[in-house]
């Protein structure tokens, strides 16, 4: 199981995953493309000293990334990762899901489950979470901006992608209403709960079950109109993983 010790190693391992999954024609290529771009942006921010504690930010980045890497390689080796990641990885087999859904499934597991744990581990058992709160918000702001950029690129391989917002207007559906900001706020609350818990495994297990259920909601929709819209949008989306990967990576 590959684990990184530096941010450069994170970027290199993500690059390897992307190459492997693109060659396999797998939807599992999409999330690491976004994640690699986010990591490269954070590396640039560290070099420019954008964060309150730049060495600490690299530690957080590596600890955070290693949770995804551990889940990915466990899954690929036939082992069971967390439920949140298992549901995300299994959904990659579903060719009816939108490119956006595959991205959101990865974001859901990584932000809603992994980030709070990584923040706690970064400051250590004796550390104070509030000291890292500003940098926590900055890393999420970077992710949000990258997601916005990727959504604009999706239109190049999904000509009717713009219909999703129009059809989903006013609908109570997780696919349409998923918010990085809400995920960030909930991740911070979970970070504090996990950090202060005497039984961290129990807290993690409860959280994983909850986020695993969210993953299932991201793979489905209750709205009949939205369900048909997704089918229509997906029909015209490129099914060529290499082409989609090139666009998302640009």
C-alpha atoms as a PDB file:
ATOM      1  CA  UNK A   1       0.000   0.000   0.000  1.00  0.00           C
ATOM      2  CA  UNK A   2       1.582   3.271  -1.124  1.00  0.00           C
ATOM      3  CA  UNK A   3       1.768   6.127   1.340  1.00  0.00           C
ATOM      4  CA  UNK A   4       3.338   9.531   0.837  1.00  0.00           C
ATOM      5  CA  UNK A   5       5.770  11.375   3.096  1.00  0.00           C
ATOM      6  CA  UNK A   6       5.925  14.643   1.145  1.00  0.00           C
ATOM      7  CA  UNK A   7       3.555  16.685  -0.982  1.00  0.00           C
ATOM      8  CA  UNK A   8       5.644  15.841  -4.058  1.00  0.00           C
ATOM      9  CA  UNK A   9       5.119  12.149  -3.357  1.00  0.00           C
ATOM     10  CA  UNK A  10       1.367  12.755  -3.062  1.00  0.00           C
ATOM     11  CA  UNK A  11       1.362  14.374  -6.501  1.00  0.00           C
ATOM     12  CA  UNK A  12       3.458  11.557  -8.002  1.00  0.00           C
ATOM     13  CA  UNK A  13       1.260   8.780  -6.578  1.00  0.00           C
ATOM     14  CA  UNK A  14      -1.919  10.543  -7.720  1.00  0.00           C
ATOM     15  CA  UNK A  15      -0.385  10.787 -11.183  1.00  0.00           C
ATOM     16  CA  UNK A  16       0.197   7.041 -11.157  1.00  0.00           C
ATOM     17  CA  UNK A  17      -3.395   6.354 -10.118  1.00  0.00           C
ATOM     18  CA  UNK A  18      -4.695   8.583 -12.904  1.00  0.00           C
ATOM     19  CA  UNK A  19      -2.548   6.802 -15.495  1.00  0.00           C
ATOM     20  CA  UNK A  20      -3.717   3.391 -14.269  1.00  0.00           C
ATOM     21  CA  UNK A  21      -7.412   4.258 -14.218  1.00  0.00           C
ATOM     22  CA  UNK A  22      -7.396   6.094 -17.556  1.00  0.00           C
ATOM     23  CA  UNK A  23      -5.720   3.061 -19.148  1.00  0.00           C
ATOM     24  CA  UNK A  24      -8.460   0.886 -17.638  1.00  0.00           C
ATOM     25  CA  UNK A  25     -11.188   3.221 -18.929  1.00  0.00           C
ATOM     26  CA  UNK A  26     -12.404   3.606 -15.355  1.00  0.00           C
ATOM     27  CA  UNK A  27     -14.421   6.427 -13.831  1.00  0.00           C
ATOM     28  CA  UNK A  28     -12.066   6.147 -10.848  1.00  0.00           C
ATOM     29  CA  UNK A  29      -9.741   8.429 -12.833  1.00  0.00           C
ATOM     30  CA  UNK A  30     -11.882  11.533 -12.339  1.00  0.00           C
ATOM     31  CA  UNK A  31     -11.549  12.289  -8.625  1.00  0.00           C
ATOM     32  CA  UNK A  32      -7.731  11.939  -8.457  1.00  0.00           C
ATOM     33  CA  UNK A  33      -7.461  14.355 -11.402  1.00  0.00           C
ATOM     34  CA  UNK A  34      -9.285  16.994  -9.368  1.00  0.00           C
ATOM     35  CA  UNK A  35      -7.358  16.053  -6.242  1.00  0.00           C
ATOM     36  CA  UNK A  36      -3.992  16.293  -7.999  1.00  0.00           C
ATOM     37  CA  UNK A  37      -4.850  19.795  -9.221  1.00  0.00           C
ATOM     38  CA  UNK A  38      -5.877  20.793  -5.688  1.00  0.00           C
ATOM     39  CA  UNK A  39      -2.650  19.364  -4.265  1.00  0.00           C
ATOM     40  CA  UNK A  40      -0.534  21.188  -6.834  1.00  0.00           C
ATOM     41  CA  UNK A  41      -2.332  24.412  -5.935  1.00  0.00           C
ATOM     42  CA  UNK A  42      -1.667  23.830  -2.225  1.00  0.00           C
ATOM     43  CA  UNK A  43       2.002  23.143  -2.988  1.00  0.00           C
ATOM     44  CA  UNK A  44       2.142  26.468  -4.815  1.00  0.00           C
ATOM     45  CA  UNK A  45       0.450  28.164  -1.862  1.00  0.00           C
ATOM     46  CA  UNK A  46       2.996  26.700   0.552  1.00  0.00           C
ATOM     47  CA  UNK A  47       5.840  27.956  -1.642  1.00  0.00           C
ATOM     48  CA  UNK A  48       4.241  31.418  -1.676  1.00  0.00           C
ATOM     49  CA  UNK A  49       3.708  31.255   2.115  1.00  0.00           C
ATOM     50  CA  UNK A  50      -0.051  31.758   1.802  1.00  0.00           C
ATOM     51  CA  UNK A  51      -0.865  29.811   4.952  1.00  0.00           C
ATOM     52  CA  UNK A  52      -0.457  30.720   8.607  1.00  0.00           C
ATOM     53  CA  UNK A  53       1.829  27.727   9.149  1.00  0.00           C
ATOM     54  CA  UNK A  54       3.207  26.442   5.851  1.00  0.00           C
ATOM     55  CA  UNK A  55       5.182  23.412   7.163  1.00  0.00           C
ATOM     56  CA  UNK A  56       2.069  22.369   9.080  1.00  0.00           C
ATOM     57  CA  UNK A  57      -0.001  22.719   5.904  1.00  0.00           C
ATOM     58  CA  UNK A  58       2.281  20.260   4.124  1.00  0.00           C
ATOM     59  CA  UNK A  59       1.883  17.809   7.020  1.00  0.00           C
ATOM     60  CA  UNK A  60      -1.883  18.208   6.813  1.00  0.00           C
ATOM     61  CA  UNK A  61      -1.849  17.734   3.056  1.00  0.00           C
ATOM     62  CA  UNK A  62       0.155  14.508   3.325  1.00  0.00           C
ATOM     63  CA  UNK A  63      -1.890  13.073   6.215  1.00  0.00           C
ATOM     64  CA  UNK A  64      -5.097  14.003   4.416  1.00  0.00           C
ATOM     65  CA  UNK A  65      -3.988  12.521   1.086  1.00  0.00           C
ATOM     66  CA  UNK A  66      -2.785   9.310   2.711  1.00  0.00           C
ATOM     67  CA  UNK A  67      -6.310   8.555   3.860  1.00  0.00           C
ATOM     68  CA  UNK A  68      -7.503   8.569   0.237  1.00  0.00           C
ATOM     69  CA  UNK A  69      -4.453   6.624  -0.914  1.00  0.00           C
ATOM     70  CA  UNK A  70      -4.935   3.996   1.813  1.00  0.00           C
ATOM     71  CA  UNK A  71      -8.601   3.590   0.863  1.00  0.00           C
ATOM     72  CA  UNK A  72      -7.846   3.397  -2.864  1.00  0.00           C
ATOM     73  CA  UNK A  73      -5.077   0.815  -2.630  1.00  0.00           C
ATOM     74  CA  UNK A  74      -7.019  -1.255  -0.080  1.00  0.00           C
ATOM     75  CA  UNK A  75      -9.961  -1.374  -2.467  1.00  0.00           C
ATOM     76  CA  UNK A  76      -7.771  -2.270  -5.427  1.00  0.00           C
ATOM     77  CA  UNK A  77      -6.188  -5.092  -3.404  1.00  0.00           C
ATOM     78  CA  UNK A  78      -9.597  -6.557  -2.560  1.00  0.00           C
ATOM     79  CA  UNK A  79      -9.694  -5.270   1.006  1.00  0.00           C
ATOM     80  CA  UNK A  80     -12.459  -3.213   2.565  1.00  0.00           C
ATOM     81  CA  UNK A  81     -11.854   0.525   2.939  1.00  0.00           C
ATOM     82  CA  UNK A  82     -14.198   2.764   4.912  1.00  0.00           C
ATOM     83  CA  UNK A  83     -17.847   2.484   3.853  1.00  0.00           C
ATOM     84  CA  UNK A  84     -17.753   6.051   2.545  1.00  0.00           C
ATOM     85  CA  UNK A  85     -14.945   5.198   0.142  1.00  0.00           C
ATOM     86  CA  UNK A  86     -16.246   1.736  -0.681  1.00  0.00           C
ATOM     87  CA  UNK A  87     -19.551   3.212  -1.861  1.00  0.00           C
ATOM     88  CA  UNK A  88     -17.696   5.849  -3.894  1.00  0.00           C
ATOM     89  CA  UNK A  89     -15.412   3.283  -5.518  1.00  0.00           C
ATOM     90  CA  UNK A  90     -18.253   0.863  -6.239  1.00  0.00           C
ATOM     91  CA  UNK A  91     -20.252   3.669  -7.866  1.00  0.00           C
ATOM     92  CA  UNK A  92     -17.460   4.051 -10.431  1.00  0.00           C
ATOM     93  CA  UNK A  93     -18.764   0.860 -12.042  1.00  0.00           C
ATOM     94  CA  UNK A  94     -22.113   2.553 -12.711  1.00  0.00           C
ATOM     95  CA  UNK A  95     -21.977   3.955 -16.226  1.00  0.00           C
ATOM     96  CA  UNK A  96     -25.280   5.792 -15.754  1.00  0.00           C
ATOM     97  CA  UNK A  97     -23.804   8.326 -13.324  1.00  0.00           C
ATOM     98  CA  UNK A  98     -22.709  11.773 -14.456  1.00  0.00           C
ATOM     99  CA  UNK A  99     -19.056  12.801 -14.404  1.00  0.00           C
ATOM    100  CA  UNK A 100     -20.082  15.296 -11.727  1.00  0.00           C
ATOM    101  CA  UNK A 101     -21.528  12.534  -9.548  1.00  0.00           C
ATOM    102  CA  UNK A 102     -18.238  10.617  -9.608  1.00  0.00           C
ATOM    103  CA  UNK A 103     -16.409  13.773  -8.529  1.00  0.00           C
ATOM    104  CA  UNK A 104     -18.902  14.508  -5.746  1.00  0.00           C
ATOM    105  CA  UNK A 105     -18.662  10.953  -4.433  1.00  0.00           C
ATOM    106  CA  UNK A 106     -14.922  11.383  -3.951  1.00  0.00           C
ATOM    107  CA  UNK A 107     -15.336  14.829  -2.413  1.00  0.00           C
ATOM    108  CA  UNK A 108     -18.024  13.516  -0.067  1.00  0.00           C
ATOM    109  CA  UNK A 109     -15.815  10.764   1.357  1.00  0.00           C
ATOM    110  CA  UNK A 110     -12.676  12.866   1.517  1.00  0.00           C
ATOM    111  CA  UNK A 111     -14.121  16.061   2.993  1.00  0.00           C
ATOM    112  CA  UNK A 112     -16.948  14.710   5.113  1.00  0.00           C
ATOM    113  CA  UNK A 113     -14.987  11.790   6.581  1.00  0.00           C
ATOM    114  CA  UNK A 114     -11.230  12.129   6.035  1.00  0.00           C
ATOM    115  CA  UNK A 115     -10.618  15.833   6.539  1.00  0.00           C
ATOM    116  CA  UNK A 116     -11.708  16.031  10.171  1.00  0.00           C
ATOM    117  CA  UNK A 117      -9.526  13.075  11.084  1.00  0.00           C
ATOM    118  CA  UNK A 118      -6.545  14.498   9.201  1.00  0.00           C
ATOM    119  CA  UNK A 119      -6.886  17.867  10.940  1.00  0.00           C
ATOM    120  CA  UNK A 120      -6.952  16.206  14.356  1.00  0.00           C
ATOM    121  CA  UNK A 121      -3.928  14.049  13.556  1.00  0.00           C
ATOM    122  CA  UNK A 122      -2.028  17.065  12.227  1.00  0.00           C
ATOM    123  CA  UNK A 123      -2.293  19.063  15.473  1.00  0.00           C
ATOM    124  CA  UNK A 124      -1.760  15.942  17.598  1.00  0.00           C
ATOM    125  CA  UNK A 125      -3.561  14.786  20.755  1.00  0.00           C
ATOM    126  CA  UNK A 126      -2.279  17.731  22.807  1.00  0.00           C
ATOM    127  CA  UNK A 127      -2.851  20.319  20.086  1.00  0.00           C
ATOM    128  CA  UNK A 128      -5.650  22.878  19.832  1.00  0.00           C
ATOM    129  CA  UNK A 129      -7.809  22.682  16.726  1.00  0.00           C
ATOM    130  CA  UNK A 130      -8.676  26.368  16.708  1.00  0.00           C
ATOM    131  CA  UNK A 131      -5.049  27.154  15.840  1.00  0.00           C
ATOM    132  CA  UNK A 132      -5.494  25.454  12.470  1.00  0.00           C
ATOM    133  CA  UNK A 133      -9.003  26.732  11.710  1.00  0.00           C
ATOM    134  CA  UNK A 134      -7.955  29.506   9.317  1.00  0.00           C
ATOM    135  CA  UNK A 135      -5.733  27.196   7.280  1.00  0.00           C
ATOM    136  CA  UNK A 136      -8.511  24.601   7.318  1.00  0.00           C
ATOM    137  CA  UNK A 137     -10.808  27.178   5.697  1.00  0.00           C
ATOM    138  CA  UNK A 138      -8.146  28.110   3.143  1.00  0.00           C
ATOM    139  CA  UNK A 139      -7.675  24.522   1.966  1.00  0.00           C
ATOM    140  CA  UNK A 140     -11.431  24.227   1.516  1.00  0.00           C
ATOM    141  CA  UNK A 141     -11.588  27.510  -0.375  1.00  0.00           C
ATOM    142  CA  UNK A 142      -8.967  26.161  -2.769  1.00  0.00           C
ATOM    143  CA  UNK A 143     -10.989  22.979  -3.244  1.00  0.00           C
ATOM    144  CA  UNK A 144     -14.192  24.943  -3.877  1.00  0.00           C
ATOM    145  CA  UNK A 145     -12.510  27.109  -6.515  1.00  0.00           C
ATOM    146  CA  UNK A 146     -11.073  24.027  -8.210  1.00  0.00           C
ATOM    147  CA  UNK A 147     -14.483  22.330  -8.255  1.00  0.00           C
ATOM    148  CA  UNK A 148     -16.009  25.423  -9.858  1.00  0.00           C
ATOM    149  CA  UNK A 149     -13.307  25.338 -12.523  1.00  0.00           C
ATOM    150  CA  UNK A 150     -13.803  21.634 -13.196  1.00  0.00           C
ATOM    151  CA  UNK A 151     -17.574  22.061 -13.539  1.00  0.00           C
ATOM    152  CA  UNK A 152     -16.972  24.632 -16.272  1.00  0.00           C
ATOM    153  CA  UNK A 153     -14.730  22.135 -18.068  1.00  0.00           C
ATOM    154  CA  UNK A 154     -17.329  19.358 -17.851  1.00  0.00           C
ATOM    155  CA  UNK A 155     -19.428  21.261 -20.367  1.00  0.00           C
ATOM    156  CA  UNK A 156     -16.784  20.523 -23.010  1.00  0.00           C
ATOM    157  CA  UNK A 157     -17.498  16.780 -22.762  1.00  0.00           C
ATOM    158  CA  UNK A 158     -21.116  17.038 -21.596  1.00  0.00           C
ATOM    159  CA  UNK A 159     -23.005  19.408 -23.919  1.00  0.00           C
ATOM    160  CA  UNK A 160     -26.231  19.374 -21.889  1.00  0.00           C
ATOM    161  CA  UNK A 161     -24.595  19.572 -18.461  1.00  0.00           C
ATOM    162  CA  UNK A 162     -25.988  23.085 -18.003  1.00  0.00           C
ATOM    163  CA  UNK A 163     -29.494  21.592 -17.818  1.00  0.00           C
ATOM    164  CA  UNK A 164     -28.764  20.076 -14.403  1.00  0.00           C
ATOM    165  CA  UNK A 165     -29.029  23.401 -12.585  1.00  0.00           C
ATOM    166  CA  UNK A 166     -32.136  24.432 -14.516  1.00  0.00           C
ATOM    167  CA  UNK A 167     -34.035  21.205 -13.934  1.00  0.00           C
ATOM    168  CA  UNK A 168     -32.893  20.884 -10.328  1.00  0.00           C
ATOM    169  CA  UNK A 169     -33.936  24.420  -9.372  1.00  0.00           C
ATOM    170  CA  UNK A 170     -35.861  24.194  -6.106  1.00  0.00           C
ATOM    171  CA  UNK A 171     -35.514  20.427  -5.819  1.00  0.00           C
ATOM    172  CA  UNK A 172     -34.390  18.905  -2.517  1.00  0.00           C
ATOM    173  CA  UNK A 173     -31.793  16.609  -4.013  1.00  0.00           C
ATOM    174  CA  UNK A 174     -28.238  16.045  -2.828  1.00  0.00           C
ATOM    175  CA  UNK A 175     -26.811  15.872  -6.343  1.00  0.00           C
ATOM    176  CA  UNK A 176     -28.125  19.356  -7.057  1.00  0.00           C
ATOM    177  CA  UNK A 177     -27.586  20.930  -3.635  1.00  0.00           C
ATOM    178  CA  UNK A 178     -24.243  19.439  -2.537  1.00  0.00           C
ATOM    179  CA  UNK A 179     -22.203  22.321  -1.157  1.00  0.00           C
ATOM    180  CA  UNK A 180     -18.470  22.419  -0.460  1.00  0.00           C
ATOM    181  CA  UNK A 181     -19.118  25.123   2.143  1.00  0.00           C
ATOM    182  CA  UNK A 182     -21.649  23.002   4.006  1.00  0.00           C
ATOM    183  CA  UNK A 183     -19.330  19.988   3.812  1.00  0.00           C
ATOM    184  CA  UNK A 184     -16.496  22.171   5.157  1.00  0.00           C
ATOM    185  CA  UNK A 185     -18.554  23.358   8.125  1.00  0.00           C
ATOM    186  CA  UNK A 186     -19.703  19.847   8.962  1.00  0.00           C
ATOM    187  CA  UNK A 187     -16.150  18.541   8.596  1.00  0.00           C
ATOM    188  CA  UNK A 188     -14.977  21.113  11.140  1.00  0.00           C
ATOM    189  CA  UNK A 189     -17.666  20.053  13.605  1.00  0.00           C
ATOM    190  CA  UNK A 190     -16.652  16.431  13.099  1.00  0.00           C
ATOM    191  CA  UNK A 191     -12.976  17.319  13.547  1.00  0.00           C
ATOM    192  CA  UNK A 192     -13.769  18.749  16.980  1.00  0.00           C
ATOM    193  CA  UNK A 193     -15.936  15.782  17.922  1.00  0.00           C
ATOM    194  CA  UNK A 194     -13.248  13.321  16.823  1.00  0.00           C
ATOM    195  CA  UNK A 195     -10.409  15.282  18.428  1.00  0.00           C
ATOM    196  CA  UNK A 196     -12.136  15.412  21.815  1.00  0.00           C
ATOM    197  CA  UNK A 197     -13.470  11.842  21.767  1.00  0.00           C
ATOM    198  CA  UNK A 198     -12.156   9.278  24.224  1.00  0.00           C
ATOM    199  CA  UNK A 199     -13.298   6.480  21.877  1.00  0.00           C
ATOM    200  CA  UNK A 200     -12.194   7.717  18.479  1.00  0.00           C
ATOM    201  CA  UNK A 201     -12.945   4.429  16.713  1.00  0.00           C
ATOM    202  CA  UNK A 202     -16.594   4.592  17.785  1.00  0.00           C
ATOM    203  CA  UNK A 203     -16.912   8.195  16.598  1.00  0.00           C
ATOM    204  CA  UNK A 204     -15.247   7.327  13.290  1.00  0.00           C
ATOM    205  CA  UNK A 205     -17.496   4.311  12.771  1.00  0.00           C
ATOM    206  CA  UNK A 206     -20.662   6.330  13.361  1.00  0.00           C
ATOM    207  CA  UNK A 207     -19.483   9.079  11.044  1.00  0.00           C
ATOM    208  CA  UNK A 208     -18.481   6.612   8.328  1.00  0.00           C
ATOM    209  CA  UNK A 209     -21.928   5.003   8.393  1.00  0.00           C
ATOM    210  CA  UNK A 210     -23.539   8.417   7.973  1.00  0.00           C
ATOM    211  CA  UNK A 211     -21.272   9.555   5.143  1.00  0.00           C
ATOM    212  CA  UNK A 212     -21.618   6.163   3.477  1.00  0.00           C
ATOM    213  CA  UNK A 213     -25.367   6.789   3.303  1.00  0.00           C
ATOM    214  CA  UNK A 214     -24.737  10.211   1.769  1.00  0.00           C
ATOM    215  CA  UNK A 215     -22.694   8.479  -0.918  1.00  0.00           C
ATOM    216  CA  UNK A 216     -25.710   6.377  -1.830  1.00  0.00           C
ATOM    217  CA  UNK A 217     -27.829   9.529  -2.088  1.00  0.00           C
ATOM    218  CA  UNK A 218     -25.266  11.059  -4.421  1.00  0.00           C
ATOM    219  CA  UNK A 219     -25.682   8.010  -6.645  1.00  0.00           C
ATOM    220  CA  UNK A 220     -29.466   8.299  -6.817  1.00  0.00           C
ATOM    221  CA  UNK A 221     -32.248  10.862  -6.972  1.00  0.00           C
ATOM    222  CA  UNK A 222     -35.844  10.839  -5.750  1.00  0.00           C
ATOM    223  CA  UNK A 223     -37.017  13.449  -8.237  1.00  0.00           C
ATOM    224  CA  UNK A 224     -38.463  11.795 -11.343  1.00  0.00           C
ATOM    225  CA  UNK A 225     -37.834  14.900 -13.455  1.00  0.00           C
ATOM    226  CA  UNK A 226     -34.254  15.168 -12.288  1.00  0.00           C
ATOM    227  CA  UNK A 227     -33.734  11.438 -12.817  1.00  0.00           C
ATOM    228  CA  UNK A 228     -34.809  11.736 -16.445  1.00  0.00           C
ATOM    229  CA  UNK A 229     -32.678  14.858 -16.867  1.00  0.00           C
ATOM    230  CA  UNK A 230     -29.620  13.000 -15.594  1.00  0.00           C
ATOM    231  CA  UNK A 231     -30.269  10.170 -18.041  1.00  0.00           C
ATOM    232  CA  UNK A 232     -30.590  12.665 -20.877  1.00  0.00           C
ATOM    233  CA  UNK A 233     -27.422  14.547 -19.878  1.00  0.00           C
ATOM    234  CA  UNK A 234     -25.484  11.319 -19.444  1.00  0.00           C
ATOM    235  CA  UNK A 235     -26.616  10.031 -22.840  1.00  0.00           C
ATOM    236  CA  UNK A 236     -24.726  12.874 -24.515  1.00  0.00           C
ATOM    237  CA  UNK A 237     -21.733  12.924 -22.146  1.00  0.00           C
ATOM    238  CA  UNK A 238     -18.503  11.540 -23.524  1.00  0.00           C
ATOM    239  CA  UNK A 239     -17.963   7.937 -22.429  1.00  0.00           C
ATOM    240  CA  UNK A 240     -14.315   8.134 -23.442  1.00  0.00           C
ATOM    241  CA  UNK A 241     -12.477   8.264 -20.105  1.00  0.00           C
ATOM    242  CA  UNK A 242      -9.198   9.361 -21.706  1.00  0.00           C
ATOM    243  CA  UNK A 243     -10.916  12.287 -23.438  1.00  0.00           C
ATOM    244  CA  UNK A 244     -12.705  13.339 -20.247  1.00  0.00           C
ATOM    245  CA  UNK A 245      -9.457  13.021 -18.305  1.00  0.00           C
ATOM    246  CA  UNK A 246      -7.643  15.256 -20.783  1.00  0.00           C
ATOM    247  CA  UNK A 247     -10.321  17.935 -20.443  1.00  0.00           C
ATOM    248  CA  UNK A 248     -10.442  17.781 -16.635  1.00  0.00           C
ATOM    249  CA  UNK A 249      -6.634  17.894 -16.467  1.00  0.00           C
ATOM    250  CA  UNK A 250      -6.343  20.946 -18.720  1.00  0.00           C
END
